[in-house]
Amino acid sequence: MKQAFLNYSVSFILNNQDKYSEKDKDKLLYGLEGIYLTITKTVILLFISLLMGFTKEFLICLILFNIIRYPAFGFHADSSQKCLILSGAVFLGFTYLFLHIPITIFLKISLYSIIFLIFLFCAPADTPKRPLTNRKKRHLRKLASVILISIYGIIIFVFDAPVSTYFLIAALIEAIFISPIPYWVFKQPYQNYKKLV
């Protein structure tokens, strides 16, 4: 089904545009594959969250995660199956856990301190397919990441649950994905820009 969608989409676009190079076609295919995988993965996870009874909370955390992920980037699994399993375990697992445990001020301070340090030292985290070789863009993304995680921190400490909990979950998941841990676990290279500069 995925291949049929990609073939049809690429053929449609190429037939309605002139002057597409092989590199443009590869970029187009990469983007379309990302869209397809994101949609199918989200539908599956939404269905599971519906069965588990926290669809609204899952959706809010997913949106907040994607906002902070934009400048900070982070780990990508090298197959759609691994991505689905990892996303399901992390998003559904953390959302379920944090909705069922008391979030004390001590827990907030401890977790947010770790999250902030990870963002300070690890953001943005690139991937082998998309290394951040442009130094200026890397610095801008770091600045944007630190500013955003600081805003998340203010919301985490100013607001009560459930709002603060949603921001904490999203920040924690992204901190995990920009840390070296998932790269090491899945045997992917970390700080890929260093290999190409």
Protein backbone atom coordinates (compact mmCIF):
# COMPACT_ATOMS: atom_id res chain seq x y z
CA MET A 1 0.00 0.00 0.00
CA LYS A 2 2.83 2.41 0.89
CA GLN A 3 4.64 1.74 -2.39
CA ALA A 4 1.44 2.23 -4.40
CA PHE A 5 0.82 5.58 -2.69
CA LEU A 6 4.41 6.73 -3.30
CA ASN A 7 4.44 5.60 -6.95
CA TYR A 8 1.11 7.27 -7.71
CA SER A 9 2.05 10.52 -5.94
CA VAL A 10 5.48 10.80 -7.58
CA SER A 11 4.05 10.00 -11.04
CA PHE A 12 1.26 12.55 -10.59
CA ILE A 13 3.64 15.32 -9.51
CA LEU A 14 6.26 14.57 -12.15
CA ASN A 15 3.64 14.44 -14.92
CA ASN A 16 2.36 17.87 -13.94
CA GLN A 17 5.74 19.61 -13.62
CA ASP A 18 8.74 20.05 -15.91
CA LYS A 19 12.40 19.98 -15.04
CA TYR A 20 12.69 17.60 -12.12
CA SER A 21 16.21 16.31 -11.54
CA GLU A 22 16.96 12.91 -10.02
CA LYS A 23 17.93 14.71 -6.79
CA ASP A 24 14.56 16.52 -6.74
CA LYS A 25 12.79 13.21 -7.28
CA ASP A 26 14.68 11.66 -4.33
CA LYS A 27 13.74 14.61 -2.09
CA LEU A 28 10.12 14.34 -3.20
CA LEU A 29 10.06 10.60 -2.50
CA TYR A 30 11.66 11.13 0.93
CA GLY A 31 9.07 13.78 1.84
CA LEU A 32 6.11 11.75 0.61
CA GLU A 33 7.32 8.67 2.46
CA GLY A 34 7.59 10.74 5.63
CA ILE A 35 4.03 12.03 5.21
CA TYR A 36 2.67 8.55 4.55
CA LEU A 37 4.45 6.99 7.54
CA THR A 38 3.45 9.84 9.86
CA ILE A 39 -0.23 9.56 8.92
CA THR A 40 -0.42 5.75 9.20
CA LYS A 41 1.58 5.69 12.46
CA THR A 42 -0.59 8.43 13.98
CA VAL A 43 -3.82 6.64 13.03
CA ILE A 44 -2.61 3.39 14.64
CA LEU A 45 -1.47 5.16 17.82
CA LEU A 46 -4.70 7.17 17.99
CA PHE A 47 -6.67 3.94 17.79
CA ILE A 48 -4.63 2.38 20.61
CA SER A 49 -4.98 5.55 22.74
CA LEU A 50 -8.75 5.39 22.13
CA LEU A 51 -8.82 1.80 23.41
CA MET A 52 -6.74 2.86 26.44
CA GLY A 53 -9.01 5.86 27.13
CA PHE A 54 -6.70 8.86 26.75
CA THR A 55 -6.97 10.02 23.13
CA LYS A 56 -7.28 13.73 24.00
CA GLU A 57 -4.22 13.65 26.26
CA PHE A 58 -2.23 11.67 23.68
CA LEU A 59 -3.08 14.19 20.93
CA ILE A 60 -2.14 17.19 23.07
CA CYS A 61 1.22 15.62 24.01
CA LEU A 62 1.88 14.73 20.37
CA ILE A 63 1.22 18.32 19.23
CA LEU A 64 3.43 19.79 21.99
CA PHE A 65 6.15 17.28 21.14
CA ASN A 66 6.11 18.22 17.44
CA ILE A 67 6.40 21.94 18.29
CA ILE A 68 9.60 21.39 20.29
CA ARG A 69 10.89 18.76 17.86
CA TYR A 70 10.89 21.22 14.95
CA PRO A 71 14.00 23.14 16.09
CA ALA A 72 15.58 20.34 18.17
CA PHE A 73 15.26 17.49 15.63
CA GLY A 74 16.18 14.15 17.19
CA PHE A 75 16.36 10.41 16.63
CA HIS A 76 14.54 8.68 13.75
CA ALA A 77 14.22 4.90 13.60
CA ASP A 78 15.62 3.33 10.43
CA SER A 79 12.44 1.38 9.64
CA SER A 80 8.72 2.13 9.90
CA GLN A 81 8.17 -0.93 12.14
CA LYS A 82 10.83 0.20 14.64
CA CYS A 83 9.40 3.72 14.50
CA LEU A 84 5.89 2.50 15.27
CA ILE A 85 7.05 0.29 18.16
CA LEU A 86 9.30 3.00 19.64
CA SER A 87 6.69 5.76 19.22
CA GLY A 88 3.98 3.58 20.71
CA ALA A 89 6.10 2.58 23.69
CA VAL A 90 7.28 6.13 24.39
CA PHE A 91 4.17 8.22 23.64
CA LEU A 92 1.53 5.83 24.92
CA GLY A 93 3.73 4.63 27.79
CA PHE A 94 4.73 8.05 29.12
CA THR A 95 1.26 9.55 28.65
CA TYR A 96 -0.37 6.65 30.49
CA LEU A 97 2.27 6.68 33.27
CA PHE A 98 2.19 10.44 33.88
CA LEU A 99 -1.61 10.50 33.97
CA HIS A 100 -1.58 7.88 36.73
CA ILE A 101 1.21 9.04 39.05
CA PRO A 102 1.25 12.13 41.29
CA ILE A 103 3.45 14.85 39.77
CA THR A 104 5.05 16.48 42.82
CA ILE A 105 7.06 19.69 42.69
CA PHE A 106 10.19 17.65 43.49
CA LEU A 107 9.54 15.39 40.48
CA LYS A 108 8.95 18.44 38.25
CA ILE A 109 12.18 20.13 39.38
CA SER A 110 14.22 16.92 39.02
CA LEU A 111 12.88 15.99 35.57
CA TYR A 112 12.95 19.51 34.18
CA SER A 113 16.54 20.06 35.35
CA ILE A 114 17.63 16.94 33.46
CA ILE A 115 15.54 17.92 30.40
CA PHE A 116 16.99 21.43 30.30
CA LEU A 117 20.58 20.14 30.54
CA ILE A 118 19.95 17.65 27.73
CA PHE A 119 18.58 20.45 25.53
CA LEU A 120 21.50 22.69 26.43
CA PHE A 121 24.11 20.09 25.46
CA CYS A 122 22.39 17.92 22.84
CA ALA A 123 19.99 20.08 20.80
CA PRO A 124 19.73 20.02 17.88
CA ALA A 125 20.35 16.31 17.25
CA ASP A 126 20.67 15.38 13.60
CA THR A 127 20.32 12.06 11.78
CA PRO A 128 22.48 10.23 9.22
CA LYS A 129 19.95 11.13 6.49
CA ARG A 130 19.72 14.79 7.54
CA PRO A 131 23.03 15.94 9.03
CA LEU A 132 23.05 19.57 10.19
CA THR A 133 26.25 20.64 8.49
CA ASN A 134 25.45 24.36 8.34
CA ARG A 135 26.99 25.83 11.51
CA LYS A 136 24.83 28.97 11.53
CA LYS A 137 21.61 26.97 11.18
CA ARG A 138 22.77 24.62 13.92
CA HIS A 139 23.34 27.56 16.30
CA LEU A 140 19.97 29.09 15.41
CA ARG A 141 18.25 25.77 16.07
CA LYS A 142 20.05 25.42 19.41
CA LEU A 143 18.95 28.92 20.41
CA ALA A 144 15.36 28.23 19.33
CA SER A 145 15.39 24.88 21.18
CA VAL A 146 16.67 26.41 24.43
CA ILE A 147 14.16 29.29 24.24
CA LEU A 148 11.28 26.89 23.57
CA ILE A 149 12.25 24.49 26.35
CA SER A 150 12.52 27.50 28.70
CA ILE A 151 8.95 28.52 27.75
CA TYR A 152 7.85 24.93 28.34
CA GLY A 153 9.56 25.11 31.74
CA ILE A 154 7.68 28.25 32.72
CA ILE A 155 4.38 26.58 31.77
CA ILE A 156 5.36 23.40 33.66
CA PHE A 157 5.97 25.36 36.87
CA VAL A 158 3.27 28.03 36.57
CA PHE A 159 0.32 25.86 35.56
CA ASP A 160 -1.20 22.97 37.46
CA ALA A 161 -2.06 19.56 36.06
CA PRO A 162 -3.19 18.60 33.49
CA VAL A 163 -1.60 21.44 31.44
CA SER A 164 1.81 21.22 33.15
CA THR A 165 1.76 17.43 32.79
CA TYR A 166 1.24 17.61 29.00
CA PHE A 167 4.19 19.99 28.59
CA LEU A 168 6.36 17.84 30.87
CA ILE A 169 5.59 14.66 28.89
CA ALA A 170 6.35 16.33 25.53
CA ALA A 171 9.59 17.87 26.84
CA LEU A 172 10.74 14.57 28.37
CA ILE A 173 10.08 12.57 25.18
CA GLU A 174 11.98 15.07 23.04
CA ALA A 175 14.85 15.15 25.55
CA ILE A 176 15.13 11.37 25.20
CA PHE A 177 15.11 11.61 21.38
CA ILE A 178 17.86 14.25 21.23
CA SER A 179 20.07 12.46 23.76
CA PRO A 180 22.63 9.89 22.58
CA ILE A 181 20.67 7.04 24.20
CA PRO A 182 18.34 6.01 21.32
CA TYR A 183 21.21 6.42 18.83
CA TRP A 184 23.33 3.99 20.86
CA VAL A 185 20.47 1.55 21.44
CA PHE A 186 19.60 1.38 17.73
CA LYS A 187 23.27 1.55 16.63
CA GLN A 188 22.96 4.82 14.70
CA PRO A 189 25.72 7.44 14.47
CA TYR A 190 25.32 10.52 16.68
CA GLN A 191 26.34 14.11 15.82
CA ASN A 192 26.46 13.30 12.13
CA TYR A 193 27.41 16.85 11.15
CA LYS A 194 30.90 16.29 12.63
CA LYS A 195 31.60 13.59 10.08
CA LEU A 196 30.84 15.88 7.16
CA VAL A 197 32.33 19.21 8.28
